[in-house]
Amino acid sequence: MNKTYFITGIGTEVGKTMVSAIVTEALQADYFKPIQAGDLDYSDTHKVKAMLSNSKSKFFDNAYALKTPMSPHAAADIDNLEIQLKDIQRPETENTLVIEGAGGLLVPLNSKDCIIDLIEKTDKIILVSRHYLGSINHTLLSIEALKSRGFSNIGMIFSGDEHPTTESIILEKTNLTCVGRIEEEAEFSKAVVSKYAQKLKLNIEKL
């Protein structure tokens, strides 16, 4: 069975798209972002595609491409839509698939479902955490949410400037595997993404 990696984060703007690009490049995987809200002219799919060096990866269209950069449920309402889980079908591929979520795990899609409801039990989950005041709480709550749903195949990637006391207490309390860390880079060029892809490839594959 083909592997699927679900990339999620403790919130918005924590580095999910950069991590998605790195994982996609490391595995020469295919990429799928089910829901894009806003920035349709330069979406996360466009960004990931621009950062990859390999020619094997395929990029699938969003199930929902919403015009407004807001929570999916609100952006859909503006577009006179209601997001339905049944309309979010994973693309068929023989390749490994990387799926990037939107915002955090409990970002609402509609009155009932959240981003976490897009994750399947067989997925390998990578949670992206970035240090800021309150990020330990947000990280631990995200892990609790995943574990409460029965997910156990979870790895951590820390992004941004290193903060040893934050990272060590998170790993100590959760006993999760640290896949690696992404430094605060001036830009995420193809060369930078390729560097991290090579560095983290074995850890990603072992997850």
Protein backbone atom coordinates (compact mmCIF):
# COMPACT_ATOMS: atom_id res chain seq x y z
CA MET A 1 0.00 0.00 0.00
CA ASN A 2 1.27 3.48 -0.85
CA LYS A 3 2.31 5.69 2.03
CA THR A 4 0.52 8.94 2.78
CA TYR A 5 2.04 11.72 4.87
CA PHE A 6 -0.33 14.28 6.36
CA ILE A 7 1.40 17.57 7.21
CA THR A 8 -0.36 19.63 9.86
CA GLY A 9 0.65 22.37 12.28
CA ILE A 10 -0.04 23.82 15.69
CA GLY A 11 -1.56 26.86 13.98
CA THR A 12 -1.19 29.03 10.92
CA GLU A 13 2.12 30.43 9.62
CA VAL A 14 4.25 27.82 11.40
CA GLY A 15 5.97 26.41 8.32
CA LYS A 16 3.63 23.67 7.03
CA THR A 17 4.15 24.57 3.38
CA MET A 18 7.96 24.60 3.71
CA VAL A 19 7.84 21.24 5.48
CA SER A 20 5.45 19.89 2.84
CA ALA A 21 7.92 20.92 0.13
CA ILE A 22 10.81 19.27 1.98
CA VAL A 23 8.93 16.00 2.57
CA THR A 24 7.66 15.96 -1.02
CA GLU A 25 11.18 16.52 -2.36
CA ALA A 26 12.77 13.99 0.00
CA LEU A 27 10.39 11.23 -1.11
CA GLN A 28 9.83 12.49 -4.67
CA ALA A 29 6.20 12.19 -3.64
CA ASP A 30 3.01 13.64 -5.09
CA TYR A 31 1.39 16.64 -3.37
CA PHE A 32 -2.23 17.47 -2.57
CA LYS A 33 -3.69 20.40 -0.64
CA PRO A 34 -7.39 19.59 -0.22
CA ILE A 35 -8.48 23.11 0.75
CA GLN A 36 -6.88 26.39 -0.29
CA ALA A 37 -8.37 29.56 1.20
CA GLY A 38 -7.13 32.74 -0.47
CA ASP A 39 -3.98 33.42 -2.55
CA LEU A 40 -5.35 31.41 -5.47
CA ASP A 41 -2.95 33.09 -7.91
CA TYR A 42 0.04 31.89 -5.87
CA SER A 43 -1.36 29.08 -3.78
CA ASP A 44 0.52 26.66 -1.53
CA THR A 45 0.51 24.19 -4.43
CA HIS A 46 2.28 26.80 -6.60
CA LYS A 47 4.77 27.48 -3.80
CA VAL A 48 5.62 23.81 -3.25
CA LYS A 49 5.98 23.22 -6.99
CA ALA A 50 8.39 26.17 -7.28
CA MET A 51 10.60 24.80 -4.48
CA LEU A 52 11.08 21.27 -5.83
CA SER A 53 13.97 20.03 -7.93
CA ASN A 54 12.76 16.55 -8.83
CA SER A 55 10.68 15.84 -11.94
CA LYS A 56 8.73 12.88 -10.53
CA SER A 57 6.31 14.73 -8.21
CA LYS A 58 2.79 15.39 -9.44
CA PHE A 59 0.53 18.12 -8.11
CA PHE A 60 -3.20 17.63 -7.75
CA ASP A 61 -5.89 20.31 -7.85
CA ASN A 62 -7.48 21.49 -4.61
CA ALA A 63 -10.83 19.91 -3.80
CA TYR A 64 -11.89 23.40 -2.69
CA ALA A 65 -10.23 26.61 -3.93
CA LEU A 66 -11.77 29.41 -1.87
CA LYS A 67 -11.24 33.09 -2.60
CA THR A 68 -10.86 34.53 0.91
CA PRO A 69 -7.90 33.95 3.27
CA MET A 70 -10.01 32.92 6.26
CA SER A 71 -10.96 29.74 8.12
CA PRO A 72 -12.28 27.31 5.47
CA HIS A 73 -15.82 27.32 6.86
CA ALA A 74 -15.98 31.14 6.69
CA ALA A 75 -14.25 31.38 3.29
CA ALA A 76 -16.69 28.79 1.92
CA ASP A 77 -19.65 30.76 3.27
CA ILE A 78 -18.45 33.87 1.42
CA ASP A 79 -18.29 31.77 -1.77
CA ASN A 80 -21.82 30.45 -1.06
CA LEU A 81 -20.51 26.93 -0.51
CA GLU A 82 -20.56 24.38 2.25
CA ILE A 83 -17.53 22.11 2.46
CA GLN A 84 -18.49 18.44 2.41
CA LEU A 85 -16.07 15.68 3.41
CA LYS A 86 -17.52 13.40 0.75
CA ASP A 87 -16.34 15.86 -1.91
CA ILE A 88 -12.74 15.71 -0.70
CA GLN A 89 -11.43 12.60 -2.40
CA ARG A 90 -7.76 11.71 -2.22
CA PRO A 91 -6.22 11.57 -5.68
CA GLU A 92 -5.33 8.17 -7.07
CA THR A 93 -1.59 7.68 -7.41
CA GLU A 94 0.93 4.85 -7.34
CA ASN A 95 3.36 7.23 -5.67
CA THR A 96 3.74 8.32 -2.05
CA LEU A 97 1.30 11.18 -1.34
CA VAL A 98 1.92 14.26 0.78
CA ILE A 99 -1.25 16.01 1.98
CA GLU A 100 -1.03 19.49 3.49
CA GLY A 101 -3.73 20.63 5.89
CA ALA A 102 -4.92 24.20 6.44
CA GLY A 103 -4.17 26.01 9.70
CA GLY A 104 -4.38 23.81 12.79
CA LEU A 105 -6.13 20.53 13.47
CA LEU A 106 -9.39 21.98 14.80
CA VAL A 107 -9.85 24.59 12.10
CA PRO A 108 -13.52 24.13 11.11
CA LEU A 109 -14.54 23.03 7.62
CA ASN A 110 -18.25 23.31 8.38
CA SER A 111 -20.50 23.16 11.46
CA LYS A 112 -19.44 19.56 12.17
CA ASP A 113 -16.07 18.70 10.63
CA CYS A 114 -12.53 20.00 11.15
CA ILE A 115 -9.16 19.54 9.44
CA ILE A 116 -8.44 16.59 11.74
CA ASP A 117 -11.35 14.74 10.09
CA LEU A 118 -9.36 14.62 6.85
CA ILE A 119 -6.67 12.43 8.44
CA GLU A 120 -6.89 8.66 8.06
CA LYS A 121 -5.61 6.04 10.51
CA THR A 122 -2.96 4.76 8.10
CA ASP A 123 -1.46 8.23 7.52
CA LYS A 124 1.97 9.14 8.78
CA ILE A 125 1.40 12.48 10.51
CA ILE A 126 4.01 15.23 10.75
CA LEU A 127 3.14 18.01 13.18
CA VAL A 128 4.98 21.28 12.59
CA SER A 129 5.70 23.39 15.68
CA ARG A 130 7.22 26.86 15.75
CA HIS A 131 8.34 28.58 18.94
CA TYR A 132 6.36 31.57 20.23
CA LEU A 133 4.84 32.46 23.59
CA GLY A 134 2.12 29.85 24.06
CA SER A 135 3.45 27.41 21.48
CA ILE A 136 4.15 24.66 24.03
CA ASN A 137 0.48 24.66 25.03
CA HIS A 138 -0.66 24.72 21.39
CA THR A 139 1.69 21.87 20.51
CA LEU A 140 0.66 19.67 23.43
CA LEU A 141 -3.03 20.34 22.76
CA SER A 142 -2.56 19.38 19.11
CA ILE A 143 -0.89 16.12 20.11
CA GLU A 144 -3.66 15.41 22.64
CA ALA A 145 -6.24 15.97 19.90
CA LEU A 146 -4.47 13.50 17.59
CA LYS A 147 -4.00 10.88 20.29
CA SER A 148 -7.61 11.20 21.44
CA ARG A 149 -8.67 10.21 17.90
CA GLY A 150 -6.44 7.14 18.07
CA PHE A 151 -3.59 8.44 15.92
CA SER A 152 -0.18 7.19 17.01
CA ASN A 153 2.05 7.49 13.94
CA ILE A 154 3.07 11.08 14.70
CA GLY A 155 6.41 12.81 14.17
CA MET A 156 7.49 16.34 15.08
CA ILE A 157 9.31 18.91 12.99
CA PHE A 158 10.35 22.15 14.67
CA SER A 159 10.69 25.21 12.46
CA GLY A 160 12.36 28.56 13.09
CA ASP A 161 15.03 29.56 15.58
CA GLU A 162 16.01 26.72 17.91
CA HIS A 163 14.60 26.84 21.43
CA PRO A 164 16.03 23.82 23.31
CA THR A 165 13.96 24.05 26.49
CA THR A 166 10.73 24.27 24.50
CA GLU A 167 11.60 21.42 22.17
CA SER A 168 12.93 19.14 24.90
CA ILE A 169 9.85 19.49 27.16
CA ILE A 170 7.50 18.80 24.23
CA LEU A 171 9.38 15.64 23.27
CA GLU A 172 9.70 14.55 26.91
CA LYS A 173 5.99 14.96 27.62
CA THR A 174 4.78 13.34 24.39
CA ASN A 175 7.47 10.74 23.66
CA LEU A 176 7.14 11.62 19.96
CA THR A 177 9.84 11.12 17.36
CA CYS A 178 11.60 14.30 16.29
CA VAL A 179 11.94 14.05 12.52
CA GLY A 180 14.15 17.14 12.49
CA ARG A 181 14.21 20.90 12.58
CA ILE A 182 14.09 23.62 9.95
CA GLU A 183 16.17 26.69 10.73
CA GLU A 184 15.09 30.29 10.16
CA GLU A 185 16.19 30.63 6.54
CA ALA A 186 16.43 33.89 4.57
CA GLU A 187 14.51 32.17 1.77
CA PHE A 188 13.34 28.69 0.86
CA SER A 189 14.91 28.21 -2.54
CA LYS A 190 15.18 24.93 -4.44
CA ALA A 191 18.70 24.54 -3.06
CA VAL A 192 17.60 25.03 0.56
CA VAL A 193 14.68 22.64 0.21
CA SER A 194 16.95 20.08 -1.44
CA LYS A 195 19.45 20.42 1.45
CA TYR A 196 16.80 19.69 4.07
CA ALA A 197 15.27 16.93 1.94
CA GLN A 198 18.60 15.09 1.89
CA LYS A 199 19.22 15.74 5.57
CA LEU A 200 15.81 14.53 6.79
CA LYS A 201 15.05 11.82 4.22
CA LEU A 202 15.92 8.83 6.43
CA ASN A 203 13.99 10.19 9.42
CA ILE A 204 10.96 10.87 7.24
CA GLU A 205 11.06 7.35 5.78
CA LYS A 206 11.39 5.80 9.25
CA LEU A 207 8.28 7.51 10.59
